[in-house]
Amino acid sequence: MDKMISSAVAPASGTIINGIATGKGAAFAINLKVKATVEFIEDGRGEVKGIVKDNPKVDTTLIELCVKKVLEYLDLDYSARVITETEIYEKLKEENNRLRERLKV
């Protein structure tokens, strides 16, 4: 069983949630990074598992659907494991702590 592993880093992004309901919205880059590591396994099973390393409770359906669609488009019968890591959660914790300290004053 052959395995291929690759990683990429890109700017993180935010979205305007109202765009989902109205069909109009926006997405924008933020000054933080997101890293995705994909492990492809040539096993003929076509199983895809997404993992958000920084927050395992996050729904990974979109990650898994995107990878499945690419594998289908390329007619590849691989399984995949996608692990994402981001600076967003750490930055949010830092900002939350900073604001709590500021409110104590």
C-alpha atoms as a PDB file:
ATOM      1  CA  MET A   1       0.000   0.000   0.000  1.00  0.00           C
ATOM      2  CA  ASP A   2       1.596   3.241  -1.190  1.00  0.00           C
ATOM      3  CA  LYS A   3       1.347   6.501   0.776  1.00  0.00           C
ATOM      4  CA  MET A   4       1.954  10.068  -0.324  1.00  0.00           C
ATOM      5  CA  ILE A   5       2.182  12.981   2.106  1.00  0.00           C
ATOM      6  CA  SER A   6       2.184  16.671   1.271  1.00  0.00           C
ATOM      7  CA  SER A   7       1.718  19.926   3.196  1.00  0.00           C
ATOM      8  CA  ALA A   8       0.846  23.490   2.271  1.00  0.00           C
ATOM      9  CA  VAL A   9       0.547  26.755   4.195  1.00  0.00           C
ATOM     10  CA  ALA A  10      -1.823  29.589   3.273  1.00  0.00           C
ATOM     11  CA  PRO A  11      -3.235  32.749   4.831  1.00  0.00           C
ATOM     12  CA  ALA A  12      -6.182  32.108   7.115  1.00  0.00           C
ATOM     13  CA  SER A  13      -9.492  33.699   6.184  1.00  0.00           C
ATOM     14  CA  GLY A  14     -12.735  34.979   7.587  1.00  0.00           C
ATOM     15  CA  THR A  15     -16.165  35.080   5.994  1.00  0.00           C
ATOM     16  CA  ILE A  16     -19.299  37.162   6.282  1.00  0.00           C
ATOM     17  CA  ILE A  17     -21.854  34.598   7.462  1.00  0.00           C
ATOM     18  CA  ASN A  18     -24.921  36.488   6.188  1.00  0.00           C
ATOM     19  CA  GLY A  19     -23.667  35.745   2.694  1.00  0.00           C
ATOM     20  CA  ILE A  20     -24.855  32.150   3.066  1.00  0.00           C
ATOM     21  CA  ALA A  21     -28.504  33.178   3.519  1.00  0.00           C
ATOM     22  CA  THR A  22     -28.552  36.007   1.004  1.00  0.00           C
ATOM     23  CA  GLY A  23     -26.321  34.557  -1.686  1.00  0.00           C
ATOM     24  CA  LYS A  24     -24.047  37.584  -1.320  1.00  0.00           C
ATOM     25  CA  GLY A  25     -21.106  37.755   1.003  1.00  0.00           C
ATOM     26  CA  ALA A  26     -17.395  38.118   1.331  1.00  0.00           C
ATOM     27  CA  ALA A  27     -14.276  36.311   2.402  1.00  0.00           C
ATOM     28  CA  PHE A  28     -11.052  37.983   3.428  1.00  0.00           C
ATOM     29  CA  ALA A  29      -7.518  36.961   4.351  1.00  0.00           C
ATOM     30  CA  ILE A  30      -6.247  37.600   7.856  1.00  0.00           C
ATOM     31  CA  ASN A  31      -2.652  37.903   9.009  1.00  0.00           C
ATOM     32  CA  LEU A  32      -2.496  34.349  10.399  1.00  0.00           C
ATOM     33  CA  LYS A  33      -1.559  31.041   8.798  1.00  0.00           C
ATOM     34  CA  VAL A  34      -3.310  27.723   8.180  1.00  0.00           C
ATOM     35  CA  LYS A  35      -1.374  24.545   7.386  1.00  0.00           C
ATOM     36  CA  ALA A  36      -2.922  21.470   5.799  1.00  0.00           C
ATOM     37  CA  THR A  37      -1.162  18.129   5.609  1.00  0.00           C
ATOM     38  CA  VAL A  38      -2.702  15.445   3.413  1.00  0.00           C
ATOM     39  CA  GLU A  39      -1.786  11.777   3.489  1.00  0.00           C
ATOM     40  CA  PHE A  40      -3.059   9.830   0.480  1.00  0.00           C
ATOM     41  CA  ILE A  41      -3.260   6.054   0.808  1.00  0.00           C
ATOM     42  CA  GLU A  42      -3.620   3.962  -2.339  1.00  0.00           C
ATOM     43  CA  ASP A  43      -5.905   1.331  -0.820  1.00  0.00           C
ATOM     44  CA  GLY A  44      -8.979   1.429  -3.079  1.00  0.00           C
ATOM     45  CA  ARG A  45     -11.327   2.249  -0.171  1.00  0.00           C
ATOM     46  CA  GLY A  46     -11.966   5.940  -0.834  1.00  0.00           C
ATOM     47  CA  GLU A  47     -12.282   6.878   2.841  1.00  0.00           C
ATOM     48  CA  VAL A  48     -11.482  10.479   3.805  1.00  0.00           C
ATOM     49  CA  LYS A  49     -10.917  11.671   7.374  1.00  0.00           C
ATOM     50  CA  GLY A  50     -10.473  15.312   8.333  1.00  0.00           C
ATOM     51  CA  ILE A  51      -8.812  16.386  11.571  1.00  0.00           C
ATOM     52  CA  VAL A  52      -8.558  19.919  12.943  1.00  0.00           C
ATOM     53  CA  LYS A  53      -5.549  19.539  15.228  1.00  0.00           C
ATOM     54  CA  ASP A  54      -6.152  22.738  17.201  1.00  0.00           C
ATOM     55  CA  ASN A  55      -9.844  22.031  17.831  1.00  0.00           C
ATOM     56  CA  PRO A  56     -10.858  18.363  17.399  1.00  0.00           C
ATOM     57  CA  LYS A  57     -14.561  19.182  18.002  1.00  0.00           C
ATOM     58  CA  VAL A  58     -14.833  21.189  14.768  1.00  0.00           C
ATOM     59  CA  ASP A  59     -17.035  19.685  12.047  1.00  0.00           C
ATOM     60  CA  THR A  60     -14.747  18.413   9.270  1.00  0.00           C
ATOM     61  CA  THR A  61     -17.472  17.677   6.711  1.00  0.00           C
ATOM     62  CA  LEU A  62     -16.357  20.439   4.317  1.00  0.00           C
ATOM     63  CA  ILE A  63     -12.723  19.278   4.403  1.00  0.00           C
ATOM     64  CA  GLU A  64     -13.754  15.701   3.700  1.00  0.00           C
ATOM     65  CA  LEU A  65     -16.207  16.650   0.943  1.00  0.00           C
ATOM     66  CA  CYS A  66     -13.618  18.789  -0.874  1.00  0.00           C
ATOM     67  CA  VAL A  67     -11.012  16.015  -0.835  1.00  0.00           C
ATOM     68  CA  LYS A  68     -13.564  13.421  -1.979  1.00  0.00           C
ATOM     69  CA  LYS A  69     -14.621  15.660  -4.883  1.00  0.00           C
ATOM     70  CA  VAL A  70     -10.997  16.167  -5.996  1.00  0.00           C
ATOM     71  CA  LEU A  71     -10.303  12.426  -5.812  1.00  0.00           C
ATOM     72  CA  GLU A  72     -13.478  11.732  -7.834  1.00  0.00           C
ATOM     73  CA  TYR A  73     -12.596  14.395 -10.411  1.00  0.00           C
ATOM     74  CA  LEU A  74      -9.117  12.903 -10.842  1.00  0.00           C
ATOM     75  CA  ASP A  75     -10.572   9.377 -10.866  1.00  0.00           C
ATOM     76  CA  LEU A  76      -8.320   8.273  -8.002  1.00  0.00           C
ATOM     77  CA  ASP A  77      -9.430   5.486  -5.691  1.00  0.00           C
ATOM     78  CA  TYR A  78      -7.383   6.625  -2.690  1.00  0.00           C
ATOM     79  CA  SER A  79      -8.191   7.163   0.947  1.00  0.00           C
ATOM     80  CA  ALA A  80      -6.975  10.357   2.585  1.00  0.00           C
ATOM     81  CA  ARG A  81      -6.301  11.854   5.978  1.00  0.00           C
ATOM     82  CA  VAL A  82      -6.251  15.668   6.161  1.00  0.00           C
ATOM     83  CA  ILE A  83      -4.834  17.397   9.234  1.00  0.00           C
ATOM     84  CA  THR A  84      -5.219  21.155   9.535  1.00  0.00           C
ATOM     85  CA  GLU A  85      -3.383  23.383  11.977  1.00  0.00           C
ATOM     86  CA  THR A  86      -4.007  27.086  12.440  1.00  0.00           C
ATOM     87  CA  GLU A  87      -2.800  30.058  14.443  1.00  0.00           C
ATOM     88  CA  ILE A  88      -6.383  31.298  14.812  1.00  0.00           C
ATOM     89  CA  TYR A  89      -7.311  29.459  18.021  1.00  0.00           C
ATOM     90  CA  GLU A  90      -4.120  30.477  19.838  1.00  0.00           C
ATOM     91  CA  LYS A  91      -4.581  34.097  18.751  1.00  0.00           C
ATOM     92  CA  LEU A  92      -8.199  34.068  19.974  1.00  0.00           C
ATOM     93  CA  LYS A  93      -7.088  32.747  23.374  1.00  0.00           C
ATOM     94  CA  GLU A  94      -4.433  35.454  23.634  1.00  0.00           C
ATOM     95  CA  GLU A  95      -6.907  38.185  22.695  1.00  0.00           C
ATOM     96  CA  ASN A  96      -9.515  36.850  25.117  1.00  0.00           C
ATOM     97  CA  ASN A  97      -6.990  36.865  27.981  1.00  0.00           C
ATOM     98  CA  ARG A  98      -5.858  40.385  27.058  1.00  0.00           C
ATOM     99  CA  LEU A  99      -9.431  41.669  27.118  1.00  0.00           C
ATOM    100  CA  ARG A 100     -10.160  39.981  30.471  1.00  0.00           C
ATOM    101  CA  GLU A 101      -7.120  41.664  31.992  1.00  0.00           C
ATOM    102  CA  ARG A 102      -8.150  45.005  30.565  1.00  0.00           C
ATOM    103  CA  LEU A 103     -11.680  44.704  31.993  1.00  0.00           C
ATOM    104  CA  LYS A 104     -10.315  44.100  35.492  1.00  0.00           C
ATOM    105  CA  VAL A 105      -8.871  47.643  35.533  1.00  0.00           C
END
